[in-house]
Amino acid sequence: MISIWKKYSFVILFFLVTLLMGFYLLFSGDSKNHTEFVINVQNGDTLWSISQKNAERFGMTTSDFMKLLEKQNQLKSTTIKGGDQLVVTGSFLNKSNDKIELAFEEK
């Protein structure tokens, strides 16, 4: 056992450090920078009307915000109904002092 340790100590330590770093990255999360903007759909709302109300706040055009909503919420069509929730998450938003802004545009 001692000869194995002497021969492979570097490899064993490298493996353990890599494993520990992997667990750290996997479970540490990025909760500080994770932001969600939730829109509660009311009866009579359409994806276009919601986009019109919110697009300017994020410095986007109405059609770009609509595409973002479709992508982020994995919508197959533009049909939504009252009671639905639409969410825009993390990398698109900055939140400070209860003000939410676009962090960077999607490429």
N, C-alpha and C. Protein backbone atom coordinates (compact mmCIF):
# COMPACT_ATOMS: atom_id res chain seq x y z
N MET A 1 0.83 -1.19 0.00
CA MET A 1 0.00 0.00 0.00
C MET A 1 0.87 1.26 0.00
N ILE A 2 1.95 1.26 0.75
CA ILE A 2 2.83 2.42 0.83
C ILE A 2 3.51 2.66 -0.52
N SER A 3 3.90 1.59 -1.18
CA SER A 3 4.54 1.77 -2.49
C SER A 3 3.57 2.32 -3.52
N ILE A 4 2.29 1.96 -3.43
CA ILE A 4 1.28 2.51 -4.33
C ILE A 4 1.12 4.00 -4.07
N TRP A 5 1.08 4.39 -2.81
CA TRP A 5 0.96 5.80 -2.46
C TRP A 5 2.15 6.60 -2.98
N LYS A 6 3.35 6.07 -2.80
CA LYS A 6 4.55 6.78 -3.27
C LYS A 6 4.54 6.92 -4.79
N LYS A 7 4.07 5.89 -5.45
CA LYS A 7 4.10 5.88 -6.91
C LYS A 7 3.00 6.76 -7.52
N TYR A 8 1.82 6.76 -6.92
CA TYR A 8 0.67 7.43 -7.51
C TYR A 8 0.09 8.55 -6.64
N SER A 9 0.82 9.07 -5.70
CA SER A 9 0.29 10.09 -4.80
C SER A 9 -0.20 11.33 -5.55
N PHE A 10 0.56 11.76 -6.55
CA PHE A 10 0.15 12.94 -7.30
C PHE A 10 -1.18 12.70 -8.01
N VAL A 11 -1.32 11.55 -8.62
CA VAL A 11 -2.55 11.23 -9.34
C VAL A 11 -3.73 11.13 -8.38
N ILE A 12 -3.54 10.51 -7.25
CA ILE A 12 -4.61 10.36 -6.27
C ILE A 12 -5.03 11.73 -5.73
N LEU A 13 -4.07 12.57 -5.38
CA LEU A 13 -4.39 13.91 -4.88
C LEU A 13 -5.08 14.75 -5.96
N PHE A 14 -4.59 14.66 -7.19
CA PHE A 14 -5.21 15.41 -8.28
C PHE A 14 -6.67 14.97 -8.46
N PHE A 15 -6.93 13.68 -8.42
CA PHE A 15 -8.27 13.15 -8.55
C PHE A 15 -9.16 13.64 -7.42
N LEU A 16 -8.69 13.61 -6.19
CA LEU A 16 -9.49 14.05 -5.05
C LEU A 16 -9.79 15.55 -5.12
N VAL A 17 -8.79 16.35 -5.47
CA VAL A 17 -9.01 17.80 -5.58
C VAL A 17 -10.00 18.10 -6.70
N THR A 18 -9.87 17.43 -7.82
CA THR A 18 -10.79 17.61 -8.94
C THR A 18 -12.21 17.22 -8.55
N LEU A 19 -12.35 16.12 -7.84
CA LEU A 19 -13.65 15.66 -7.38
C LEU A 19 -14.28 16.67 -6.43
N LEU A 20 -13.51 17.18 -5.49
CA LEU A 20 -14.02 18.16 -4.53
C LEU A 20 -14.42 19.46 -5.24
N MET A 21 -13.62 19.92 -6.18
CA MET A 21 -13.95 21.13 -6.91
C MET A 21 -15.22 20.93 -7.75
N GLY A 22 -15.37 19.76 -8.32
CA GLY A 22 -16.57 19.46 -9.08
C GLY A 22 -17.82 19.52 -8.22
N PHE A 23 -17.76 18.92 -7.03
CA PHE A 23 -18.90 18.98 -6.11
C PHE A 23 -19.18 20.41 -5.67
N TYR A 24 -18.13 21.18 -5.43
CA TYR A 24 -18.30 22.57 -5.04
C TYR A 24 -19.02 23.36 -6.13
N LEU A 25 -18.56 23.22 -7.36
CA LEU A 25 -19.18 23.95 -8.47
C LEU A 25 -20.61 23.48 -8.73
N LEU A 26 -20.84 22.21 -8.56
CA LEU A 26 -22.16 21.65 -8.80
C LEU A 26 -23.18 22.13 -7.79
N PHE A 27 -22.80 22.17 -6.52
CA PHE A 27 -23.76 22.47 -5.47
C PHE A 27 -23.69 23.89 -4.93
N SER A 28 -22.72 24.68 -5.35
CA SER A 28 -22.62 26.04 -4.81
C SER A 28 -23.72 26.93 -5.37
N GLY A 29 -24.10 26.73 -6.62
CA GLY A 29 -25.15 27.52 -7.23
C GLY A 29 -24.74 28.96 -7.41
N ASP A 30 -25.57 29.69 -8.11
CA ASP A 30 -25.32 31.11 -8.35
C ASP A 30 -26.54 31.89 -7.89
N SER A 31 -26.94 31.67 -6.64
CA SER A 31 -28.18 32.25 -6.14
C SER A 31 -28.11 33.77 -5.99
N LYS A 32 -26.94 34.35 -5.84
CA LYS A 32 -26.83 35.79 -5.68
C LYS A 32 -27.23 36.51 -6.95
N ASN A 33 -26.85 35.97 -8.10
CA ASN A 33 -27.10 36.63 -9.37
C ASN A 33 -28.34 36.10 -10.08
N HIS A 34 -29.01 35.15 -9.48
CA HIS A 34 -30.18 34.56 -10.12
C HIS A 34 -31.40 35.42 -9.83
N THR A 35 -32.03 35.89 -10.86
CA THR A 35 -33.19 36.76 -10.72
C THR A 35 -34.29 36.23 -11.62
N GLU A 36 -35.48 36.31 -11.13
CA GLU A 36 -36.63 35.93 -11.94
C GLU A 36 -37.61 37.09 -11.98
N PHE A 37 -38.12 37.36 -13.15
CA PHE A 37 -39.18 38.34 -13.34
C PHE A 37 -40.41 37.55 -13.73
N VAL A 38 -41.42 37.56 -12.87
CA VAL A 38 -42.63 36.74 -13.08
C VAL A 38 -43.78 37.65 -13.49
N ILE A 39 -44.46 37.25 -14.55
CA ILE A 39 -45.63 37.98 -15.05
C ILE A 39 -46.83 37.06 -14.87
N ASN A 40 -47.81 37.52 -14.11
CA ASN A 40 -49.06 36.77 -13.94
C ASN A 40 -50.02 37.20 -15.03
N VAL A 41 -50.43 36.27 -15.85
CA VAL A 41 -51.31 36.55 -16.98
C VAL A 41 -52.74 36.74 -16.48
N GLN A 42 -53.34 37.84 -16.89
CA GLN A 42 -54.73 38.14 -16.55
C GLN A 42 -55.63 37.72 -17.71
N ASN A 43 -56.91 37.54 -17.44
CA ASN A 43 -57.87 37.23 -18.51
C ASN A 43 -57.84 38.34 -19.55
N GLY A 44 -57.77 37.98 -20.81
CA GLY A 44 -57.75 38.95 -21.90
C GLY A 44 -56.34 39.37 -22.32
N ASP A 45 -55.33 39.03 -21.54
CA ASP A 45 -53.95 39.35 -21.92
C ASP A 45 -53.52 38.48 -23.09
N THR A 46 -52.71 39.07 -23.95
CA THR A 46 -52.06 38.31 -25.01
C THR A 46 -50.56 38.46 -24.84
N LEU A 47 -49.82 37.62 -25.48
CA LEU A 47 -48.37 37.70 -25.42
C LEU A 47 -47.89 39.05 -25.96
N TRP A 48 -48.58 39.53 -26.99
CA TRP A 48 -48.21 40.81 -27.59
C TRP A 48 -48.48 41.97 -26.61
N SER A 49 -49.64 41.96 -25.95
CA SER A 49 -49.97 43.06 -25.03
C SER A 49 -49.03 43.06 -23.82
N ILE A 50 -48.67 41.88 -23.34
CA ILE A 50 -47.71 41.79 -22.23
C ILE A 50 -46.35 42.29 -22.68
N SER A 51 -45.97 41.95 -23.89
CA SER A 51 -44.68 42.40 -24.43
C SER A 51 -44.67 43.92 -24.59
N GLN A 52 -45.78 44.49 -25.03
CA GLN A 52 -45.87 45.94 -25.17
C GLN A 52 -45.70 46.64 -23.83
N LYS A 53 -46.28 46.08 -22.78
CA LYS A 53 -46.21 46.69 -21.45
C LYS A 53 -44.81 46.61 -20.86
N ASN A 54 -44.05 45.56 -21.18
CA ASN A 54 -42.79 45.31 -20.48
C ASN A 54 -41.52 45.50 -21.30
N ALA A 55 -41.63 45.55 -22.61
CA ALA A 55 -40.44 45.59 -23.47
C ALA A 55 -39.57 46.81 -23.22
N GLU A 56 -40.17 47.96 -23.10
CA GLU A 56 -39.41 49.20 -22.93
C GLU A 56 -38.61 49.19 -21.62
N ARG A 57 -39.17 48.60 -20.59
CA ARG A 57 -38.50 48.51 -19.30
C ARG A 57 -37.15 47.78 -19.41
N PHE A 58 -37.05 46.86 -20.37
CA PHE A 58 -35.82 46.09 -20.56
C PHE A 58 -35.00 46.57 -21.74
N GLY A 59 -35.42 47.66 -22.36
CA GLY A 59 -34.68 48.21 -23.49
C GLY A 59 -34.75 47.32 -24.72
N MET A 60 -35.89 46.67 -24.91
CA MET A 60 -36.08 45.76 -26.04
C MET A 60 -37.27 46.22 -26.86
N THR A 61 -37.33 45.74 -28.09
CA THR A 61 -38.52 45.98 -28.90
C THR A 61 -39.60 45.01 -28.44
N THR A 62 -40.83 45.32 -28.78
CA THR A 62 -41.95 44.46 -28.39
C THR A 62 -41.77 43.05 -28.96
N SER A 63 -41.38 42.95 -30.22
CA SER A 63 -41.23 41.63 -30.84
C SER A 63 -40.06 40.85 -30.21
N ASP A 64 -38.96 41.54 -29.87
CA ASP A 64 -37.85 40.85 -29.22
C ASP A 64 -38.23 40.33 -27.84
N PHE A 65 -38.99 41.13 -27.09
CA PHE A 65 -39.42 40.69 -25.76
C PHE A 65 -40.39 39.52 -25.88
N MET A 66 -41.23 39.56 -26.89
CA MET A 66 -42.16 38.46 -27.12
C MET A 66 -41.40 37.17 -27.44
N LYS A 67 -40.36 37.27 -28.27
CA LYS A 67 -39.53 36.10 -28.58
C LYS A 67 -38.83 35.58 -27.33
N LEU A 68 -38.37 36.50 -26.48
CA LEU A 68 -37.72 36.11 -25.23
C LEU A 68 -38.69 35.36 -24.34
N LEU A 69 -39.92 35.86 -24.21
CA LEU A 69 -40.93 35.17 -23.40
C LEU A 69 -41.22 33.77 -23.96
N GLU A 70 -41.34 33.68 -25.28
CA GLU A 70 -41.61 32.38 -25.90
C GLU A 70 -40.49 31.40 -25.62
N LYS A 71 -39.25 31.86 -25.75
CA LYS A 71 -38.11 30.98 -25.54
C LYS A 71 -37.95 30.59 -24.08
N GLN A 72 -37.99 31.57 -23.19
CA GLN A 72 -37.78 31.31 -21.76
C GLN A 72 -38.86 30.41 -21.18
N ASN A 73 -40.07 30.51 -21.69
CA ASN A 73 -41.19 29.73 -21.15
C ASN A 73 -41.54 28.53 -22.02
N GLN A 74 -40.72 28.28 -23.03
CA GLN A 74 -40.88 27.13 -23.92
C GLN A 74 -42.30 27.02 -24.48
N LEU A 75 -42.80 28.17 -24.97
CA LEU A 75 -44.15 28.21 -25.52
C LEU A 75 -44.13 27.69 -26.95
N LYS A 76 -45.06 26.82 -27.27
CA LYS A 76 -45.16 26.26 -28.62
C LYS A 76 -45.99 27.18 -29.52
N SER A 77 -46.85 28.00 -28.90
CA SER A 77 -47.65 28.97 -29.66
C SER A 77 -47.74 30.25 -28.84
N THR A 78 -48.36 31.26 -29.41
CA THR A 78 -48.48 32.54 -28.72
C THR A 78 -49.75 32.61 -27.87
N THR A 79 -50.47 31.50 -27.75
CA THR A 79 -51.70 31.46 -26.98
C THR A 79 -51.39 31.28 -25.50
N ILE A 80 -51.91 32.20 -24.68
CA ILE A 80 -51.79 32.10 -23.23
C ILE A 80 -53.16 32.33 -22.63
N LYS A 81 -53.35 31.94 -21.38
CA LYS A 81 -54.65 32.13 -20.74
C LYS A 81 -54.48 32.71 -19.35
N GLY A 82 -55.54 33.29 -18.83
CA GLY A 82 -55.53 33.87 -17.50
C GLY A 82 -55.10 32.85 -16.46
N GLY A 83 -54.24 33.27 -15.55
CA GLY A 83 -53.74 32.37 -14.51
C GLY A 83 -52.37 31.80 -14.83
N ASP A 84 -51.97 31.86 -16.10
CA ASP A 84 -50.62 31.41 -16.46
C ASP A 84 -49.58 32.34 -15.84
N GLN A 85 -48.38 31.83 -15.68
CA GLN A 85 -47.27 32.66 -15.24
C GLN A 85 -46.17 32.59 -16.28
N LEU A 86 -45.66 33.73 -16.67
CA LEU A 86 -44.53 33.81 -17.59
C LEU A 86 -43.32 34.28 -16.80
N VAL A 87 -42.19 33.64 -17.05
CA VAL A 87 -40.99 33.93 -16.27
C VAL A 87 -39.84 34.27 -17.21
N VAL A 88 -39.09 35.32 -16.86
CA VAL A 88 -37.83 35.65 -17.51
C VAL A 88 -36.77 35.50 -16.44
N THR A 89 -35.74 34.69 -16.71
CA THR A 89 -34.79 34.38 -15.65
C THR A 89 -33.42 34.98 -15.87
N GLY A 90 -32.69 34.97 -14.78
CA GLY A 90 -31.28 35.21 -14.59
C GLY A 90 -30.50 36.06 -15.54
N SER A 91 -29.90 35.46 -16.52
CA SER A 91 -28.87 36.14 -17.30
C SER A 91 -29.40 37.32 -18.08
N PHE A 92 -30.70 37.44 -18.24
CA PHE A 92 -31.27 38.55 -18.98
C PHE A 92 -31.54 39.75 -18.09
N LEU A 93 -31.45 39.57 -16.76
CA LEU A 93 -31.90 40.60 -15.85
C LEU A 93 -30.86 41.03 -14.83
N ASN A 94 -30.91 42.27 -14.43
CA ASN A 94 -30.20 42.79 -13.27
C ASN A 94 -31.25 43.32 -12.32
N LYS A 95 -31.13 43.04 -11.04
CA LYS A 95 -32.09 43.54 -10.09
C LYS A 95 -31.36 44.34 -9.03
N SER A 96 -31.76 45.58 -8.84
CA SER A 96 -31.18 46.40 -7.79
C SER A 96 -32.23 47.38 -7.30
N ASN A 97 -32.41 47.43 -6.00
CA ASN A 97 -33.39 48.34 -5.38
C ASN A 97 -34.77 48.20 -6.02
N ASP A 98 -35.22 46.97 -6.16
CA ASP A 98 -36.53 46.66 -6.73
C ASP A 98 -36.71 47.15 -8.16
N LYS A 99 -35.62 47.43 -8.85
CA LYS A 99 -35.69 47.83 -10.26
C LYS A 99 -35.03 46.72 -11.07
N ILE A 100 -35.73 46.21 -12.05
CA ILE A 100 -35.21 45.12 -12.87
C ILE A 100 -34.88 45.68 -14.25
N GLU A 101 -33.69 45.37 -14.73
CA GLU A 101 -33.25 45.86 -16.03
C GLU A 101 -32.60 44.73 -16.82
N LEU A 102 -32.53 44.90 -18.11
CA LEU A 102 -31.85 43.94 -18.98
C LEU A 102 -30.37 43.98 -18.71
N ALA A 103 -29.77 42.85 -18.43
CA ALA A 103 -28.33 42.78 -18.16
C ALA A 103 -27.54 42.77 -19.46
N PHE A 104 -27.93 41.93 -20.39
CA PHE A 104 -27.31 41.90 -21.71
C PHE A 104 -28.25 41.23 -22.67
N GLU A 105 -28.12 41.53 -23.93
CA GLU A 105 -29.03 40.98 -24.92
C GLU A 105 -28.58 39.60 -25.34
N GLU A 106 -29.53 38.78 -25.66
CA GLU A 106 -29.27 37.44 -26.15
C GLU A 106 -28.69 37.54 -27.55
N LYS A 107 -27.72 36.68 -27.84
CA LYS A 107 -27.11 36.67 -29.18
C LYS A 107 -27.77 35.66 -30.04
